[in-house]
Amino acid sequence: MKGLSCTFFEDESVSIIGASGVGKSTFLHIIGTLEHPTSGSIKHFSQDVFSWPDKRLSFFRNKEIGFVFQFHHLLSEFNCIENVMMPCLLAGDSRKEALDRARQLLEYLGLGGKEELNVKKLSGGEQQRVALARALVRNPRIILADEPTGNLDEKSGQKVAQLLFRVRKEVKAALIIVTHNLSLASMTDRCIGLKAGKAYEIPKEGLAEFVMDEAA
């Protein structure tokens, strides 16, 4: 990606679309400080975060950014509530604080009574809801989702999408989604298309046309 420039605002939802291999996930990982850009800068809340020491950057990522991936990346040796608690424990919160917050979120996301189940015993949609709870447990200001419904059947995907947008509005976090799902993309406030290393603002009525042009 070269010459790519775009701005995201607090309390808005944005979808990022484009052909496979264009760099959507890499772009999201750089925004989320998981990968370093080879040039240019990434600023969060006017701060050049990649100028910080690793420890400060890790603390920022843990506190301010929640990640939801296509493959939930839950820890299979732990149960639901332990997976959700993990970011809080890594941040140094007390076990009671982490437990209370995780239990509250799991209940809110419709997983009350399943806190002690090993995540391997859950359905795909339930696992993704646990991953969403984990992303939210530190009250982040930014939620990054990489194909959050891509590994789910249509019904489960719709439920996860609805939850994602409902929660975003309630916690007033910015939501940035990478997706091939045009229905999901059309739910966001803005759509950005990546093409030839550049970002383009795409009107919702032009989503299908942009995708078809990319596939041609």
Protein backbone atom coordinates (compact mmCIF):
# COMPACT_ATOMS: atom_id res chain seq x y z
CA MET A 1 0.00 0.00 0.00
CA LYS A 2 1.36 3.38 -1.02
CA GLY A 3 -0.15 6.83 -0.76
CA LEU A 4 -3.03 5.58 1.36
CA SER A 5 -4.55 8.25 3.56
CA CYS A 6 -7.83 8.29 5.45
CA THR A 7 -9.32 9.53 8.69
CA PHE A 8 -11.67 7.78 11.10
CA PHE A 9 -13.80 9.60 13.64
CA GLU A 10 -14.97 8.70 17.12
CA ASP A 11 -18.47 7.25 17.43
CA GLU A 12 -18.77 6.25 13.75
CA SER A 13 -18.81 2.91 11.94
CA VAL A 14 -16.74 2.33 8.80
CA SER A 15 -16.45 -0.68 6.52
CA ILE A 16 -13.36 -1.39 4.43
CA ILE A 17 -13.88 -3.36 1.24
CA GLY A 18 -11.74 -4.42 -1.70
CA ALA A 19 -10.46 -7.39 -3.65
CA SER A 20 -8.68 -10.26 -1.91
CA GLY A 21 -5.01 -9.50 -1.45
CA VAL A 22 -5.39 -5.73 -1.71
CA GLY A 23 -4.23 -5.30 1.90
CA LYS A 24 -7.43 -4.83 3.89
CA SER A 25 -6.38 -7.01 6.83
CA THR A 26 -2.86 -5.61 6.84
CA PHE A 27 -4.34 -2.11 6.91
CA LEU A 28 -6.56 -3.06 9.85
CA HIS A 29 -3.62 -4.62 11.71
CA ILE A 30 -1.60 -1.44 11.25
CA ILE A 31 -4.50 0.67 12.54
CA GLY A 32 -4.67 -1.68 15.51
CA THR A 33 -0.88 -1.37 16.09
CA LEU A 34 -0.40 -5.13 15.59
CA GLU A 35 1.89 -4.42 12.62
CA HIS A 36 4.21 -1.48 12.04
CA PRO A 37 3.99 0.54 8.83
CA THR A 38 7.18 0.63 6.77
CA SER A 39 6.61 4.34 6.17
CA GLY A 40 4.14 7.06 7.04
CA SER A 41 2.42 7.48 10.38
CA ILE A 42 -0.63 6.26 12.26
CA LYS A 43 -2.15 8.69 14.71
CA HIS A 44 -4.67 7.78 17.36
CA PHE A 45 -6.37 10.73 19.03
CA SER A 46 -3.65 13.02 17.55
CA GLN A 47 -0.85 10.86 19.03
CA ASP A 48 1.83 9.24 16.85
CA VAL A 49 1.53 5.86 18.58
CA PHE A 50 4.40 4.16 16.75
CA SER A 51 6.82 6.68 18.23
CA TRP A 52 6.11 5.21 21.67
CA PRO A 53 8.13 2.48 23.44
CA ASP A 54 6.71 -1.03 23.06
CA LYS A 55 5.43 -1.18 26.63
CA ARG A 56 3.41 2.01 26.27
CA LEU A 57 2.09 0.89 22.89
CA SER A 58 1.01 -2.47 24.32
CA PHE A 59 -0.80 -0.73 27.18
CA PHE A 60 -2.57 1.56 24.69
CA ARG A 61 -3.62 -1.39 22.52
CA ASN A 62 -4.96 -3.32 25.51
CA LYS A 63 -6.96 -0.37 26.83
CA GLU A 64 -8.19 1.47 23.76
CA ILE A 65 -8.60 -1.16 21.02
CA GLY A 66 -10.83 -4.22 20.94
CA PHE A 67 -10.24 -6.84 18.24
CA VAL A 68 -12.76 -9.23 16.69
CA PHE A 69 -11.37 -11.62 14.07
CA GLN A 70 -12.94 -14.01 11.55
CA PHE A 71 -11.36 -16.90 13.44
CA HIS A 72 -12.12 -15.98 17.02
CA HIS A 73 -8.66 -16.94 18.39
CA LEU A 74 -10.10 -18.01 21.73
CA LEU A 75 -7.84 -19.99 24.06
CA SER A 76 -9.20 -23.53 23.88
CA GLU A 77 -7.73 -24.59 27.23
CA PHE A 78 -9.87 -22.00 29.05
CA ASN A 79 -13.60 -21.60 29.58
CA CYS A 80 -15.72 -18.68 28.36
CA ILE A 81 -15.32 -16.37 31.30
CA GLU A 82 -11.57 -16.98 31.56
CA ASN A 83 -11.14 -16.01 27.91
CA VAL A 84 -13.07 -12.79 28.43
CA MET A 85 -11.19 -11.94 31.64
CA MET A 86 -7.76 -12.28 30.02
CA PRO A 87 -7.27 -8.67 28.78
CA CYS A 88 -8.19 -7.32 32.24
CA LEU A 89 -5.78 -9.66 34.02
CA LEU A 90 -2.99 -8.74 31.58
CA ALA A 91 -3.69 -5.08 32.38
CA GLY A 92 -3.26 -5.73 36.09
CA ASP A 93 -6.91 -5.54 37.16
CA SER A 94 -7.91 -7.60 40.17
CA ARG A 95 -9.41 -11.02 39.52
CA LYS A 96 -12.70 -9.90 41.08
CA GLU A 97 -12.93 -6.84 38.83
CA ALA A 98 -12.14 -8.93 35.76
CA LEU A 99 -14.60 -11.64 36.77
CA ASP A 100 -17.45 -9.21 37.42
CA ARG A 101 -16.93 -7.38 34.13
CA ALA A 102 -16.63 -10.60 32.11
CA ARG A 103 -19.75 -12.10 33.69
CA GLN A 104 -21.71 -8.91 32.99
CA LEU A 105 -20.71 -8.90 29.32
CA LEU A 106 -21.43 -12.58 28.76
CA GLU A 107 -24.87 -12.12 30.28
CA TYR A 108 -25.48 -9.06 28.10
CA LEU A 109 -24.47 -10.96 24.95
CA GLY A 110 -26.84 -13.83 25.68
CA LEU A 111 -24.35 -16.29 27.13
CA GLY A 112 -25.51 -16.25 30.73
CA GLY A 113 -25.24 -19.74 32.23
CA LYS A 114 -22.45 -20.74 29.83
CA GLU A 115 -19.63 -18.91 31.59
CA GLU A 116 -17.96 -22.08 32.85
CA LEU A 117 -18.20 -24.02 29.58
CA ASN A 118 -15.04 -24.71 27.64
CA VAL A 119 -15.17 -22.64 24.45
CA LYS A 120 -14.76 -25.78 22.33
CA LYS A 121 -18.28 -26.83 23.40
CA LEU A 122 -19.89 -23.69 21.97
CA SER A 123 -21.33 -23.15 18.50
CA GLY A 124 -19.49 -20.90 16.06
CA GLY A 125 -21.86 -18.01 16.72
CA GLU A 126 -21.47 -18.42 20.48
CA GLN A 127 -17.68 -18.50 20.18
CA GLN A 128 -17.77 -15.26 18.21
CA ARG A 129 -19.93 -13.68 20.91
CA VAL A 130 -17.32 -14.69 23.50
CA ALA A 131 -14.70 -13.06 21.27
CA LEU A 132 -16.85 -9.92 21.12
CA ALA A 133 -17.12 -9.88 24.93
CA ARG A 134 -13.33 -10.19 25.15
CA ALA A 135 -12.96 -7.26 22.74
CA LEU A 136 -15.26 -5.10 24.86
CA VAL A 137 -14.11 -6.02 28.35
CA ARG A 138 -11.67 -3.09 28.67
CA ASN A 139 -14.20 -0.54 27.37
CA PRO A 140 -12.17 0.32 24.24
CA ARG A 141 -12.73 3.48 22.23
CA ILE A 142 -12.06 1.61 18.98
CA ILE A 143 -13.41 -1.77 17.87
CA LEU A 144 -11.64 -3.41 14.92
CA ALA A 145 -13.36 -6.35 13.25
CA ASP A 146 -11.73 -8.44 10.51
CA GLU A 147 -14.42 -10.43 8.65
CA PRO A 148 -16.34 -10.95 11.93
CA THR A 149 -19.13 -12.92 10.22
CA GLY A 150 -17.01 -14.59 7.54
CA ASN A 151 -16.73 -17.94 9.33
CA LEU A 152 -20.39 -18.17 10.35
CA ASP A 153 -23.58 -19.36 8.67
CA GLU A 154 -25.96 -16.63 7.53
CA LYS A 155 -28.24 -16.74 10.59
CA SER A 156 -25.38 -16.72 13.11
CA GLY A 157 -23.61 -14.01 11.12
CA GLN A 158 -26.67 -11.77 11.21
CA LYS A 159 -26.95 -12.17 14.98
CA VAL A 160 -23.29 -11.33 15.53
CA ALA A 161 -23.55 -8.31 13.21
CA GLN A 162 -26.63 -6.99 15.00
CA LEU A 163 -24.92 -7.38 18.36
CA LEU A 164 -21.78 -5.68 17.10
CA PHE A 165 -23.66 -2.60 15.92
CA ARG A 166 -25.93 -2.45 18.97
CA VAL A 167 -23.00 -2.64 21.36
CA ARG A 168 -21.01 -0.05 19.39
CA LYS A 169 -23.81 2.48 19.72
CA GLU A 170 -24.22 1.85 23.43
CA VAL A 171 -20.53 2.12 24.29
CA LYS A 172 -20.00 4.94 21.75
CA ALA A 173 -16.90 3.36 20.24
CA ALA A 174 -15.62 3.77 16.71
CA LEU A 175 -16.12 0.58 14.69
CA ILE A 176 -13.96 -0.32 11.70
CA ILE A 177 -14.85 -3.51 9.82
CA VAL A 178 -13.04 -5.34 7.04
CA THR A 179 -15.60 -7.38 5.14
CA HIS A 180 -16.58 -8.99 1.83
CA ASN A 181 -20.19 -9.01 3.01
CA LEU A 182 -21.97 -6.15 1.22
CA SER A 183 -25.00 -6.41 3.54
CA LEU A 184 -22.71 -5.89 6.52
CA ALA A 185 -20.83 -3.06 4.77
CA SER A 186 -24.10 -1.27 4.01
CA MET A 187 -24.89 -1.16 7.76
CA THR A 188 -21.93 1.15 8.47
CA ASP A 189 -21.96 4.94 8.39
CA ARG A 190 -19.20 5.07 5.76
CA CYS A 191 -17.62 2.65 3.29
CA ILE A 192 -14.00 2.86 2.18
CA GLY A 193 -12.72 0.90 -0.80
CA LEU A 194 -9.07 -0.04 -1.16
CA LYS A 195 -7.69 -0.21 -4.68
CA ALA A 196 -4.12 -0.01 -5.98
CA GLY A 197 -2.88 1.08 -2.56
CA LYS A 198 -5.28 4.01 -2.24
CA ALA A 199 -8.46 4.56 -0.24
CA TYR A 200 -11.69 5.72 -1.84
CA GLU A 201 -14.93 6.83 -0.21
CA ILE A 202 -17.64 4.59 -1.68
CA PRO A 203 -21.33 5.60 -1.63
CA LYS A 204 -23.47 2.74 -0.38
CA GLU A 205 -25.36 2.53 -3.66
CA GLY A 206 -22.01 2.00 -5.40
CA LEU A 207 -20.77 -0.89 -3.25
CA ALA A 208 -21.74 -3.68 -5.64
CA GLU A 209 -20.31 -1.81 -8.63
CA PHE A 210 -16.99 -1.25 -6.82
CA VAL A 211 -16.72 -4.93 -5.95
CA MET A 212 -17.57 -5.98 -9.52
CA ASP A 213 -14.94 -3.62 -10.91
CA GLU A 214 -12.38 -5.10 -8.55
CA ALA A 215 -13.27 -8.65 -9.59
CA ALA A 216 -13.05 -7.87 -13.31
